[in-house]
Amino acid sequence: MAFACKTADATLWYKVDDGAYQDYTGPVTITASCTITVKAVKDGMTDSQEAVFTYKAYHLVDKYVKTACPHRRRQGGHFQRR
């Protein structure tokens, strides 16, 4: 996940779930369901509003097998995890 701010010389801070804010230095890798909160800060200015993003991680499967599908009249099939 990557973030940007249009305000010159502003620093982005982010936190994962209820963790502490940390400097944003580049894309954040998401490997589990979480909430990411981001804000921009700059000396002499009020901090930006927090932008909150909630992500749901799903288990990804790596192999599928095509099987017969009795519910379809035309050719085709279901894909099932092997």
PDB file of N, CA and C in Angstrom:
ATOM      1  N   MET A   1       0.844  -1.141   0.000  1.00  0.00           N
ATOM      2  CA  MET A   1       0.000   0.000   0.000  1.00  0.00           C
ATOM      3  C   MET A   1       0.900   1.218   0.000  1.00  0.00           C
ATOM      4  N   ALA A   2       0.629   2.169  -0.895  1.00  0.00           N
ATOM      5  CA  ALA A   2       1.449   3.374  -0.991  1.00  0.00           C
ATOM      6  C   ALA A   2       0.594   4.611  -0.717  1.00  0.00           C
ATOM      7  N   PHE A   3       1.189   5.626  -0.107  1.00  0.00           N
ATOM      8  CA  PHE A   3       0.495   6.859   0.238  1.00  0.00           C
ATOM      9  C   PHE A   3       1.295   8.051  -0.259  1.00  0.00           C
ATOM     10  N   ALA A   4       0.611   9.182  -0.482  1.00  0.00           N
ATOM     11  CA  ALA A   4       1.277  10.399  -0.939  1.00  0.00           C
ATOM     12  C   ALA A   4       0.551  11.607  -0.366  1.00  0.00           C
ATOM     13  N   CYS A   5       1.253  12.737  -0.326  1.00  0.00           N
ATOM     14  CA  CYS A   5       0.685  13.995   0.158  1.00  0.00           C
ATOM     15  C   CYS A   5       1.132  15.108  -0.775  1.00  0.00           C
ATOM     16  N   LYS A   6       0.220  16.011  -1.132  1.00  0.00           N
ATOM     17  CA  LYS A   6       0.546  17.107  -2.046  1.00  0.00           C
ATOM     18  C   LYS A   6       1.214  18.302  -1.359  1.00  0.00           C
ATOM     19  N   THR A   7       1.186  18.347  -0.027  1.00  0.00           N
ATOM     20  CA  THR A   7       1.779  19.469   0.693  1.00  0.00           C
ATOM     21  C   THR A   7       3.300  19.337   0.689  1.00  0.00           C
ATOM     22  N   ALA A   8       3.971  20.356   0.173  1.00  0.00           N
ATOM     23  CA  ALA A   8       5.439  20.329   0.091  1.00  0.00           C
ATOM     24  C   ALA A   8       6.053  20.185   1.480  1.00  0.00           C
ATOM     25  N   ASP A   9       7.039  19.306   1.582  1.00  0.00           N
ATOM     26  CA  ASP A   9       7.812  19.080   2.803  1.00  0.00           C
ATOM     27  C   ASP A   9       7.008  18.482   3.963  1.00  0.00           C
ATOM     28  N   ALA A  10       5.811  18.021   3.699  1.00  0.00           N
ATOM     29  CA  ALA A  10       5.042  17.339   4.750  1.00  0.00           C
ATOM     30  C   ALA A  10       5.579  15.925   4.902  1.00  0.00           C
ATOM     31  N   THR A  11       5.467  15.387   6.098  1.00  0.00           N
ATOM     32  CA  THR A  11       5.880  14.017   6.388  1.00  0.00           C
ATOM     33  C   THR A  11       4.635  13.187   6.628  1.00  0.00           C
ATOM     34  N   LEU A  12       4.605  12.005   6.054  1.00  0.00           N
ATOM     35  CA  LEU A  12       3.490  11.105   6.303  1.00  0.00           C
ATOM     36  C   LEU A  12       3.838  10.184   7.454  1.00  0.00           C
ATOM     37  N   TRP A  13       2.884  10.009   8.343  1.00  0.00           N
ATOM     38  CA  TRP A  13       2.992   9.050   9.427  1.00  0.00           C
ATOM     39  C   TRP A  13       1.884   8.034   9.259  1.00  0.00           C
ATOM     40  N   TYR A  14       2.160   6.799   9.642  1.00  0.00           N
ATOM     41  CA  TYR A  14       1.123   5.775   9.576  1.00  0.00           C
ATOM     42  C   TYR A  14       1.238   4.847  10.764  1.00  0.00           C
ATOM     43  N   LYS A  15       0.142   4.175  11.062  1.00  0.00           N
ATOM     44  CA  LYS A  15       0.165   3.151  12.099  1.00  0.00           C
ATOM     45  C   LYS A  15      -0.702   1.993  11.645  1.00  0.00           C
ATOM     46  N   VAL A  16      -0.358   0.816  12.133  1.00  0.00           N
ATOM     47  CA  VAL A  16      -1.109  -0.396  11.831  1.00  0.00           C
ATOM     48  C   VAL A  16      -1.885  -0.772  13.087  1.00  0.00           C
ATOM     49  N   ASP A  17      -3.193  -0.927  12.922  1.00  0.00           N
ATOM     50  CA  ASP A  17      -4.093  -1.220  14.035  1.00  0.00           C
ATOM     51  C   ASP A  17      -3.889  -0.173  15.135  1.00  0.00           C
ATOM     52  N   ASP A  18      -3.669  -0.585  16.365  1.00  0.00           N
ATOM     53  CA  ASP A  18      -3.520   0.373  17.473  1.00  0.00           C
ATOM     54  C   ASP A  18      -2.056   0.638  17.811  1.00  0.00           C
ATOM     55  N   GLY A  19      -1.148   0.334  16.877  1.00  0.00           N
ATOM     56  CA  GLY A  19       0.275   0.553  17.108  1.00  0.00           C
ATOM     57  C   GLY A  19       0.630   2.026  17.139  1.00  0.00           C
ATOM     58  N   ALA A  20       1.898   2.301  17.336  1.00  0.00           N
ATOM     59  CA  ALA A  20       2.406   3.672  17.373  1.00  0.00           C
ATOM     60  C   ALA A  20       2.609   4.193  15.954  1.00  0.00           C
ATOM     61  N   TYR A  21       2.478   5.502  15.788  1.00  0.00           N
ATOM     62  CA  TYR A  21       2.759   6.106  14.480  1.00  0.00           C
ATOM     63  C   TYR A  21       4.235   5.946  14.157  1.00  0.00           C
ATOM     64  N   GLN A  22       4.531   5.764  12.882  1.00  0.00           N
ATOM     65  CA  GLN A  22       5.905   5.687  12.404  1.00  0.00           C
ATOM     66  C   GLN A  22       6.013   6.434  11.085  1.00  0.00           C
ATOM     67  N   ASP A  23       7.226   6.888  10.777  1.00  0.00           N
ATOM     68  CA  ASP A  23       7.446   7.603   9.514  1.00  0.00           C
ATOM     69  C   ASP A  23       7.157   6.686   8.336  1.00  0.00           C
ATOM     70  N   TYR A  24       6.480   7.216   7.348  1.00  0.00           N
ATOM     71  CA  TYR A  24       6.227   6.478   6.115  1.00  0.00           C
ATOM     72  C   TYR A  24       7.404   6.713   5.186  1.00  0.00           C
ATOM     73  N   THR A  25       8.084   5.639   4.789  1.00  0.00           N
ATOM     74  CA  THR A  25       9.253   5.764   3.921  1.00  0.00           C
ATOM     75  C   THR A  25       9.068   5.069   2.576  1.00  0.00           C
ATOM     76  N   GLY A  26       7.951   4.385   2.412  1.00  0.00           N
ATOM     77  CA  GLY A  26       7.695   3.679   1.164  1.00  0.00           C
ATOM     78  C   GLY A  26       6.524   2.724   1.342  1.00  0.00           C
ATOM     79  N   PRO A  27       6.191   1.998   0.297  1.00  0.00           N
ATOM     80  CA  PRO A  27       5.020   1.110   0.346  1.00  0.00           C
ATOM     81  C   PRO A  27       5.028   0.177   1.561  1.00  0.00           C
ATOM     82  N   VAL A  28       3.834  -0.019   2.108  1.00  0.00           N
ATOM     83  CA  VAL A  28       3.636  -0.889   3.268  1.00  0.00           C
ATOM     84  C   VAL A  28       3.091  -2.223   2.767  1.00  0.00           C
ATOM     85  N   THR A  29       3.710  -3.308   3.168  1.00  0.00           N
ATOM     86  CA  THR A  29       3.244  -4.636   2.776  1.00  0.00           C
ATOM     87  C   THR A  29       2.191  -5.108   3.768  1.00  0.00           C
ATOM     88  N   ILE A  30       1.071  -5.566   3.238  1.00  0.00           N
ATOM     89  CA  ILE A  30      -0.020  -6.058   4.077  1.00  0.00           C
ATOM     90  C   ILE A  30      -0.079  -7.571   3.927  1.00  0.00           C
ATOM     91  N   THR A  31       0.082  -8.289   5.034  1.00  0.00           N
ATOM     92  CA  THR A  31       0.058  -9.749   4.992  1.00  0.00           C
ATOM     93  C   THR A  31      -1.066 -10.339   5.833  1.00  0.00           C
ATOM     94  N   ALA A  32      -1.789  -9.492   6.552  1.00  0.00           N
ATOM     95  CA  ALA A  32      -2.889  -9.959   7.392  1.00  0.00           C
ATOM     96  C   ALA A  32      -3.940  -8.862   7.462  1.00  0.00           C
ATOM     97  N   SER A  33      -5.141  -9.227   7.852  1.00  0.00           N
ATOM     98  CA  SER A  33      -6.196  -8.231   8.009  1.00  0.00           C
ATOM     99  C   SER A  33      -5.743  -7.177   9.015  1.00  0.00           C
ATOM    100  N   CYS A  34      -5.982  -5.905   8.691  1.00  0.00           N
ATOM    101  CA  CYS A  34      -5.553  -4.836   9.585  1.00  0.00           C
ATOM    102  C   CYS A  34      -6.237  -3.526   9.205  1.00  0.00           C
ATOM    103  N   THR A  35      -6.053  -2.546  10.073  1.00  0.00           N
ATOM    104  CA  THR A  35      -6.489  -1.178   9.802  1.00  0.00           C
ATOM    105  C   THR A  35      -5.243  -0.308   9.767  1.00  0.00           C
ATOM    106  N   ILE A  36      -5.096   0.473   8.706  1.00  0.00           N
ATOM    107  CA  ILE A  36      -3.960   1.384   8.582  1.00  0.00           C
ATOM    108  C   ILE A  36      -4.492   2.811   8.661  1.00  0.00           C
ATOM    109  N   THR A  37      -3.867   3.602   9.522  1.00  0.00           N
ATOM    110  CA  THR A  37      -4.240   5.001   9.694  1.00  0.00           C
ATOM    111  C   THR A  37      -3.062   5.854   9.243  1.00  0.00           C
ATOM    112  N   VAL A  38      -3.341   6.862   8.413  1.00  0.00           N
ATOM    113  CA  VAL A  38      -2.286   7.708   7.849  1.00  0.00           C
ATOM    114  C   VAL A  38      -2.636   9.169   8.095  1.00  0.00           C
ATOM    115  N   LYS A  39      -1.611   9.987   8.390  1.00  0.00           N
ATOM    116  CA  LYS A  39      -1.819  11.431   8.488  1.00  0.00           C
ATOM    117  C   LYS A  39      -0.552  12.145   8.037  1.00  0.00           C
ATOM    118  N   ALA A  40      -0.722  13.386   7.603  1.00  0.00           N
ATOM    119  CA  ALA A  40       0.404  14.222   7.183  1.00  0.00           C
ATOM    120  C   ALA A  40       0.703  15.227   8.289  1.00  0.00           C
ATOM    121  N   VAL A  41       1.988  15.452   8.528  1.00  0.00           N
ATOM    122  CA  VAL A  41       2.409  16.427   9.537  1.00  0.00           C
ATOM    123  C   VAL A  41       3.462  17.352   8.931  1.00  0.00           C
ATOM    124  N   LYS A  42       3.418  18.611   9.382  1.00  0.00           N
ATOM    125  CA  LYS A  42       4.407  19.593   8.920  1.00  0.00           C
ATOM    126  C   LYS A  42       4.516  20.677   9.983  1.00  0.00           C
ATOM    127  N   ASP A  43       5.772  21.048  10.316  1.00  0.00           N
ATOM    128  CA  ASP A  43       5.982  22.112  11.298  1.00  0.00           C
ATOM    129  C   ASP A  43       5.233  23.368  10.874  1.00  0.00           C
ATOM    130  N   GLY A  44       4.573  24.008  11.841  1.00  0.00           N
ATOM    131  CA  GLY A  44       3.861  25.246  11.574  1.00  0.00           C
ATOM    132  C   GLY A  44       2.453  25.037  11.026  1.00  0.00           C
ATOM    133  N   MET A  45       2.069  23.795  10.808  1.00  0.00           N
ATOM    134  CA  MET A  45       0.724  23.508  10.295  1.00  0.00           C
ATOM    135  C   MET A  45       0.041  22.496  11.219  1.00  0.00           C
ATOM    136  N   THR A  46      -1.274  22.540  11.207  1.00  0.00           N
ATOM    137  CA  THR A  46      -2.050  21.544  11.944  1.00  0.00           C
ATOM    138  C   THR A  46      -1.941  20.213  11.220  1.00  0.00           C
ATOM    139  N   ASP A  47      -1.815  19.116  11.974  1.00  0.00           N
ATOM    140  CA  ASP A  47      -1.782  17.783  11.347  1.00  0.00           C
ATOM    141  C   ASP A  47      -3.049  17.569  10.528  1.00  0.00           C
ATOM    142  N   SER A  48      -2.912  16.831   9.453  1.00  0.00           N
ATOM    143  CA  SER A  48      -4.078  16.525   8.616  1.00  0.00           C
ATOM    144  C   SER A  48      -5.036  15.614   9.375  1.00  0.00           C
ATOM    145  N   GLN A  49      -6.233  15.484   8.847  1.00  0.00           N
ATOM    146  CA  GLN A  49      -7.157  14.493   9.381  1.00  0.00           C
ATOM    147  C   GLN A  49      -6.574  13.114   9.100  1.00  0.00           C
ATOM    148  N   GLU A  50      -6.921  12.171   9.950  1.00  0.00           N
ATOM    149  CA  GLU A  50      -6.469  10.808   9.723  1.00  0.00           C
ATOM    150  C   GLU A  50      -7.278  10.178   8.597  1.00  0.00           C
ATOM    151  N   ALA A  51      -6.587   9.477   7.719  1.00  0.00           N
ATOM    152  CA  ALA A  51      -7.237   8.657   6.689  1.00  0.00           C
ATOM    153  C   ALA A  51      -7.135   7.220   7.181  1.00  0.00           C
ATOM    154  N   VAL A  52      -8.266   6.538   7.256  1.00  0.00           N
ATOM    155  CA  VAL A  52      -8.296   5.188   7.822  1.00  0.00           C
ATOM    156  C   VAL A  52      -8.703   4.199   6.737  1.00  0.00           C
ATOM    157  N   PHE A  53      -7.904   3.137   6.582  1.00  0.00           N
ATOM    158  CA  PHE A  53      -8.140   2.102   5.590  1.00  0.00           C
ATOM    159  C   PHE A  53      -8.197   0.757   6.297  1.00  0.00           C
ATOM    160  N   THR A  54      -9.258   0.015   6.067  1.00  0.00           N
ATOM    161  CA  THR A  54      -9.397  -1.311   6.673  1.00  0.00           C
ATOM    162  C   THR A  54      -9.236  -2.353   5.583  1.00  0.00           C
ATOM    163  N   TYR A  55      -8.362  -3.311   5.822  1.00  0.00           N
ATOM    164  CA  TYR A  55      -8.068  -4.356   4.845  1.00  0.00           C
ATOM    165  C   TYR A  55      -8.421  -5.720   5.409  1.00  0.00           C
ATOM    166  N   LYS A  56      -8.991  -6.551   4.572  1.00  0.00           N
ATOM    167  CA  LYS A  56      -9.325  -7.926   4.943  1.00  0.00           C
ATOM    168  C   LYS A  56      -8.456  -8.839   4.102  1.00  0.00           C
ATOM    169  N   ALA A  57      -7.598  -9.603   4.750  1.00  0.00           N
ATOM    170  CA  ALA A  57      -6.731 -10.546   4.045  1.00  0.00           C
ATOM    171  C   ALA A  57      -7.465 -11.873   3.919  1.00  0.00           C
ATOM    172  N   TYR A  58      -7.368 -12.464   2.769  1.00  0.00           N
ATOM    173  CA  TYR A  58      -7.995 -13.748   2.502  1.00  0.00           C
ATOM    174  C   TYR A  58      -6.915 -14.779   2.236  1.00  0.00           C
ATOM    175  N   HIS A  59      -7.182 -16.008   2.621  1.00  0.00           N
ATOM    176  CA  HIS A  59      -6.254 -17.093   2.324  1.00  0.00           C
ATOM    177  C   HIS A  59      -6.291 -17.342   0.820  1.00  0.00           C
ATOM    178  N   LEU A  60      -5.176 -17.258   0.183  1.00  0.00           N
ATOM    179  CA  LEU A  60      -5.099 -17.477  -1.256  1.00  0.00           C
ATOM    180  C   LEU A  60      -4.682 -18.908  -1.531  1.00  0.00           C
ATOM    181  N   VAL A  61      -5.329 -19.523  -2.482  1.00  0.00           N
ATOM    182  CA  VAL A  61      -4.962 -20.885  -2.849  1.00  0.00           C
ATOM    183  C   VAL A  61      -4.049 -20.837  -4.059  1.00  0.00           C
ATOM    184  N   ASP A  62      -3.236 -21.846  -4.202  1.00  0.00           N
ATOM    185  CA  ASP A  62      -2.248 -21.822  -5.275  1.00  0.00           C
ATOM    186  C   ASP A  62      -2.480 -22.874  -6.350  1.00  0.00           C
ATOM    187  N   LYS A  63      -3.503 -23.703  -6.209  1.00  0.00           N
ATOM    188  CA  LYS A  63      -3.716 -24.725  -7.220  1.00  0.00           C
ATOM    189  C   LYS A  63      -5.211 -25.026  -7.346  1.00  0.00           C
ATOM    190  N   TYR A  64      -5.683 -25.094  -8.571  1.00  0.00           N
ATOM    191  CA  TYR A  64      -7.078 -25.416  -8.844  1.00  0.00           C
ATOM    192  C   TYR A  64      -7.140 -26.598  -9.802  1.00  0.00           C
ATOM    193  N   VAL A  65      -8.210 -27.356  -9.706  1.00  0.00           N
ATOM    194  CA  VAL A  65      -8.428 -28.499 -10.584  1.00  0.00           C
ATOM    195  C   VAL A  65      -9.816 -28.351 -11.181  1.00  0.00           C
ATOM    196  N   LYS A  66      -9.947 -28.489 -12.474  1.00  0.00           N
ATOM    197  CA  LYS A  66     -11.241 -28.374 -13.128  1.00  0.00           C
ATOM    198  C   LYS A  66     -12.002 -29.691 -12.959  1.00  0.00           C
ATOM    199  N   THR A  67     -13.258 -29.598 -12.522  1.00  0.00           N
ATOM    200  CA  THR A  67     -14.097 -30.782 -12.321  1.00  0.00           C
ATOM    201  C   THR A  67     -15.407 -30.605 -13.065  1.00  0.00           C
ATOM    202  N   ALA A  68     -16.134 -31.688 -13.239  1.00  0.00           N
ATOM    203  CA  ALA A  68     -17.424 -31.642 -13.920  1.00  0.00           C
ATOM    204  C   ALA A  68     -18.416 -30.837 -13.101  1.00  0.00           C
ATOM    205  N   CYS A  69     -19.320 -30.181 -13.785  1.00  0.00           N
ATOM    206  CA  CYS A  69     -20.343 -29.374 -13.140  1.00  0.00           C
ATOM    207  C   CYS A  69     -21.714 -29.877 -13.578  1.00  0.00           C
ATOM    208  N   PRO A  70     -22.421 -30.628 -12.740  1.00  0.00           N
ATOM    209  CA  PRO A  70     -23.710 -31.193 -13.140  1.00  0.00           C
ATOM    210  C   PRO A  70     -24.816 -30.159 -13.273  1.00  0.00           C
ATOM    211  N   HIS A  71     -24.608 -28.923 -12.808  1.00  0.00           N
ATOM    212  CA  HIS A  71     -25.660 -27.914 -12.819  1.00  0.00           C
ATOM    213  C   HIS A  71     -25.677 -27.069 -14.084  1.00  0.00           C
ATOM    214  N   ARG A  72     -24.735 -27.264 -14.960  1.00  0.00           N
ATOM    215  CA  ARG A  72     -24.671 -26.477 -16.195  1.00  0.00           C
ATOM    216  C   ARG A  72     -25.022 -27.365 -17.377  1.00  0.00           C
ATOM    217  N   ARG A  73     -25.718 -26.789 -18.336  1.00  0.00           N
ATOM    218  CA  ARG A  73     -26.075 -27.556 -19.535  1.00  0.00           C
ATOM    219  C   ARG A  73     -24.966 -27.510 -20.568  1.00  0.00           C
ATOM    220  N   ARG A  74     -24.253 -26.422 -20.619  1.00  0.00           N
ATOM    221  CA  ARG A  74     -23.148 -26.346 -21.570  1.00  0.00           C
ATOM    222  C   ARG A  74     -21.873 -26.854 -20.910  1.00  0.00           C
ATOM    223  N   GLN A  75     -20.865 -27.054 -21.714  1.00  0.00           N
ATOM    224  CA  GLN A  75     -19.595 -27.549 -21.164  1.00  0.00           C
ATOM    225  C   GLN A  75     -18.999 -26.516 -20.229  1.00  0.00           C
ATOM    226  N   GLY A  76     -18.327 -26.972 -19.259  1.00  0.00           N
ATOM    227  CA  GLY A  76     -17.699 -26.080 -18.282  1.00  0.00           C
ATOM    228  C   GLY A  76     -17.375 -26.872 -17.048  1.00  0.00           C
ATOM    229  N   GLY A  77     -17.095 -26.193 -15.996  1.00  0.00           N
ATOM    230  CA  GLY A  77     -16.783 -26.904 -14.771  1.00  0.00           C
ATOM    231  C   GLY A  77     -16.582 -25.955 -13.616  1.00  0.00           C
ATOM    232  N   HIS A  78     -16.483 -26.535 -12.481  1.00  0.00           N
ATOM    233  CA  HIS A  78     -16.149 -25.785 -11.256  1.00  0.00           C
ATOM    234  C   HIS A  78     -14.650 -25.907 -11.044  1.00  0.00           C
ATOM    235  N   PHE A  79     -14.126 -24.972 -10.324  1.00  0.00           N
ATOM    236  CA  PHE A  79     -12.736 -25.075  -9.915  1.00  0.00           C
ATOM    237  C   PHE A  79     -12.714 -25.329  -8.420  1.00  0.00           C
ATOM    238  N   GLN A  80     -12.000 -26.339  -8.021  1.00  0.00           N
ATOM    239  CA  GLN A  80     -11.902 -26.708  -6.625  1.00  0.00           C
ATOM    240  C   GLN A  80     -10.449 -26.706  -6.200  1.00  0.00           C
ATOM    241  N   ARG A  81     -10.250 -26.387  -4.929  1.00  0.00           N
ATOM    242  CA  ARG A  81      -8.897 -26.411  -4.394  1.00  0.00           C
ATOM    243  C   ARG A  81      -8.435 -27.856  -4.267  1.00  0.00           C
ATOM    244  N   ARG A  82      -7.204 -28.088  -4.599  1.00  0.00           N
ATOM    245  CA  ARG A  82      -6.642 -29.441  -4.522  1.00  0.00           C
ATOM    246  C   ARG A  82      -5.696 -29.548  -3.361  1.00  0.00           C
TER     247      ARG A  82
END
